[in-house]
Amino acid sequence: MLLFLACASPAALSPQDSLVLHTPQFTDVSVSCDADAAKWHFTAETDSWTGNGQVILSADGNYVEAHSLRSKAADANGAWDQLSLDLSIMADWRNASPGSSTAFNCLTPGLSGILRVFEVDGSTEADCRAFAETSWSRWNTGYSCDIPLEEPS
């Protein structure tokens, strides 16, 4: 936590500025998969600084991948945070690596996911969005989110 806060040291704030920290909530979330490039792309924006986030993927509740969703840009005063993650799709699931690649392709049957962000402490879940076909509550994975990711109209 200290390293993250060091990026917004008091010297970076002008005297009239103040931190706008509160429990971060998603303001925008995007999930896309490019089969030709064999890549997943996840982005999220929040209304306050985060302690980063996580992308959870599974198609059956037994094999579950957890990937770090990292902050890539943030407001100096804490008013917003932008997070992103790119995952390469591996042909062999044994070659999948947390934070860089996944065993799940764009058309994996039953694939479901959760995007979640943490408060600045890096461990308290602040907000989440679930996407795809399955309710995580029916799996015994320890992960849950009842807020669906809205699909663009």
Protein backbone atom coordinates (compact mmCIF):
# COMPACT_ATOMS: atom_id res chain seq x y z
CA MET A 1 0.00 0.00 0.00
CA LEU A 2 2.79 2.43 0.74
CA LEU A 3 4.28 2.10 -2.72
CA PHE A 4 0.93 2.91 -4.36
CA LEU A 5 0.34 5.94 -2.15
CA ALA A 6 3.89 7.15 -2.77
CA CYS A 7 2.85 7.79 -6.39
CA ALA A 8 0.55 10.53 -5.12
CA SER A 9 2.84 12.14 -2.58
CA PRO A 10 1.67 15.29 -0.80
CA ALA A 11 4.12 17.31 -2.92
CA ALA A 12 2.14 16.29 -6.02
CA LEU A 13 -0.98 17.98 -4.63
CA SER A 14 -1.36 21.72 -4.76
CA PRO A 15 -2.56 23.41 -1.53
CA GLN A 16 -6.12 23.82 -2.84
CA ASP A 17 -6.35 20.14 -3.88
CA SER A 18 -7.56 17.40 -1.60
CA LEU A 19 -7.84 13.65 -1.87
CA VAL A 20 -11.25 12.35 -2.94
CA LEU A 21 -10.95 8.81 -1.60
CA HIS A 22 -13.98 6.65 -0.94
CA THR A 23 -14.98 3.06 -1.66
CA PRO A 24 -14.32 2.69 -5.39
CA GLN A 25 -17.23 1.81 -7.66
CA PHE A 26 -17.06 0.89 -11.34
CA THR A 27 -18.01 3.66 -13.75
CA ASP A 28 -17.12 1.65 -16.87
CA VAL A 29 -16.18 -1.98 -17.52
CA SER A 30 -15.26 -3.62 -20.81
CA VAL A 31 -14.53 -7.25 -21.67
CA SER A 32 -13.52 -8.25 -25.19
CA CYS A 33 -11.94 -11.22 -26.89
CA ASP A 34 -10.17 -11.19 -30.25
CA ALA A 35 -10.03 -14.74 -31.64
CA ASP A 36 -7.71 -13.76 -34.50
CA ALA A 37 -5.16 -12.20 -32.13
CA ALA A 38 -5.81 -14.91 -29.49
CA LYS A 39 -6.22 -12.29 -26.77
CA TRP A 40 -8.64 -11.21 -24.06
CA HIS A 41 -8.79 -7.53 -23.06
CA PHE A 42 -10.29 -6.28 -19.79
CA THR A 43 -10.59 -2.61 -18.81
CA ALA A 44 -12.27 -0.88 -15.91
CA GLU A 45 -12.66 2.65 -14.64
CA THR A 46 -13.66 3.57 -11.10
CA ASP A 47 -14.71 6.73 -9.29
CA SER A 48 -11.86 6.59 -6.75
CA TRP A 49 -8.42 5.07 -6.30
CA THR A 50 -8.38 1.30 -5.98
CA GLY A 51 -6.04 -1.25 -4.49
CA ASN A 52 -6.03 -2.88 -7.94
CA GLY A 53 -8.45 -5.64 -8.89
CA GLN A 54 -8.89 -9.15 -10.18
CA VAL A 55 -10.34 -11.06 -13.12
CA ILE A 56 -11.69 -14.53 -12.26
CA LEU A 57 -12.52 -17.00 -15.06
CA SER A 58 -14.07 -20.47 -15.07
CA ALA A 59 -16.25 -22.65 -17.28
CA ASP A 60 -17.13 -25.33 -14.74
CA GLY A 61 -16.31 -24.07 -11.23
CA ASN A 62 -13.52 -26.66 -10.92
CA TYR A 63 -10.74 -25.09 -12.98
CA VAL A 64 -10.63 -21.41 -11.94
CA GLU A 65 -8.13 -18.79 -13.06
CA ALA A 66 -7.45 -15.62 -11.05
CA HIS A 67 -5.57 -12.76 -12.74
CA SER A 68 -4.50 -9.40 -11.33
CA LEU A 69 -6.24 -6.36 -12.81
CA ARG A 70 -3.70 -3.56 -12.35
CA SER A 71 -4.07 0.19 -12.21
CA LYS A 72 -2.56 1.80 -15.33
CA ALA A 73 -3.52 5.45 -14.65
CA ALA A 74 -5.07 7.34 -11.76
CA ASP A 75 -6.11 10.86 -10.88
CA ALA A 76 -3.54 12.62 -8.66
CA ASN A 77 -6.29 13.52 -6.18
CA GLY A 78 -7.94 10.10 -6.08
CA ALA A 79 -11.04 10.95 -8.16
CA TRP A 80 -10.65 8.00 -10.57
CA ASP A 81 -8.58 4.96 -11.45
CA GLN A 82 -8.13 3.08 -14.73
CA LEU A 83 -7.26 -0.62 -14.69
CA SER A 84 -6.53 -3.05 -17.49
CA LEU A 85 -5.39 -6.56 -18.28
CA ASP A 86 -4.51 -8.35 -21.53
CA LEU A 87 -4.39 -12.14 -21.55
CA SER A 88 -2.96 -14.25 -24.36
CA ILE A 89 -4.94 -17.40 -25.12
CA MET A 90 -2.88 -20.57 -24.78
CA ALA A 91 -3.64 -23.67 -26.85
CA ASP A 92 -2.56 -25.92 -23.97
CA TRP A 93 -4.16 -25.04 -20.60
CA ARG A 94 -1.00 -26.16 -18.78
CA ASN A 95 0.84 -23.20 -20.31
CA ALA A 96 -1.58 -20.60 -18.88
CA SER A 97 0.11 -18.18 -16.50
CA PRO A 98 -1.61 -15.83 -14.00
CA GLY A 99 -1.55 -12.24 -15.20
CA SER A 100 -0.38 -12.98 -18.73
CA SER A 101 -2.23 -15.89 -20.36
CA THR A 102 -5.35 -18.02 -20.08
CA ALA A 103 -6.58 -21.44 -21.10
CA PHE A 104 -9.97 -19.99 -22.08
CA ASN A 105 -10.56 -19.07 -25.72
CA CYS A 106 -13.25 -16.69 -26.98
CA LEU A 107 -15.76 -19.50 -27.52
CA THR A 108 -15.16 -21.66 -24.44
CA PRO A 109 -18.58 -23.22 -23.65
CA GLY A 110 -19.98 -22.04 -20.32
CA LEU A 111 -17.21 -19.51 -19.70
CA SER A 112 -18.07 -17.06 -16.94
CA GLY A 113 -16.07 -14.32 -15.33
CA ILE A 114 -15.95 -11.80 -12.53
CA LEU A 115 -14.17 -8.47 -12.51
CA ARG A 116 -13.66 -7.03 -9.07
CA VAL A 117 -11.82 -4.07 -7.58
CA PHE A 118 -10.43 -3.66 -4.10
CA GLU A 119 -10.34 -0.73 -1.74
CA VAL A 120 -6.94 0.97 -1.42
CA ASP A 121 -5.96 -1.63 1.21
CA GLY A 122 -5.70 -4.12 -1.70
CA SER A 123 -7.76 -6.84 -0.01
CA THR A 124 -11.29 -5.57 0.73
CA GLU A 125 -13.60 -6.09 -2.25
CA ALA A 126 -15.28 -2.81 -3.20
CA ASP A 127 -17.25 -3.61 -6.37
CA CYS A 128 -17.70 -6.43 -8.88
CA ARG A 129 -19.30 -7.33 -12.22
CA ALA A 130 -20.12 -10.82 -13.47
CA PHE A 131 -20.24 -11.70 -17.15
CA ALA A 132 -21.31 -14.60 -19.35
CA GLU A 133 -23.48 -17.59 -18.73
CA THR A 134 -23.27 -18.89 -15.17
CA SER A 135 -24.14 -17.64 -11.70
CA TRP A 136 -21.01 -18.08 -9.59
CA SER A 137 -23.13 -18.71 -6.50
CA ARG A 138 -23.91 -22.25 -7.75
CA TRP A 139 -20.19 -23.12 -7.77
CA ASN A 140 -18.24 -23.67 -4.58
CA THR A 141 -15.28 -21.51 -5.63
CA GLY A 142 -15.26 -18.88 -2.91
CA TYR A 143 -16.01 -16.21 -5.55
CA SER A 144 -19.36 -14.57 -5.99
CA CYS A 145 -20.87 -11.56 -7.74
CA ASP A 146 -24.53 -10.87 -8.41
CA ILE A 147 -24.10 -7.67 -10.42
CA PRO A 148 -24.18 -8.45 -14.16
CA LEU A 149 -21.93 -6.67 -16.61
CA GLU A 150 -24.28 -4.74 -18.86
CA GLU A 151 -23.89 -5.54 -22.51
CA PRO A 152 -23.84 -2.57 -24.90
CA SER A 153 -27.19 -2.03 -26.64
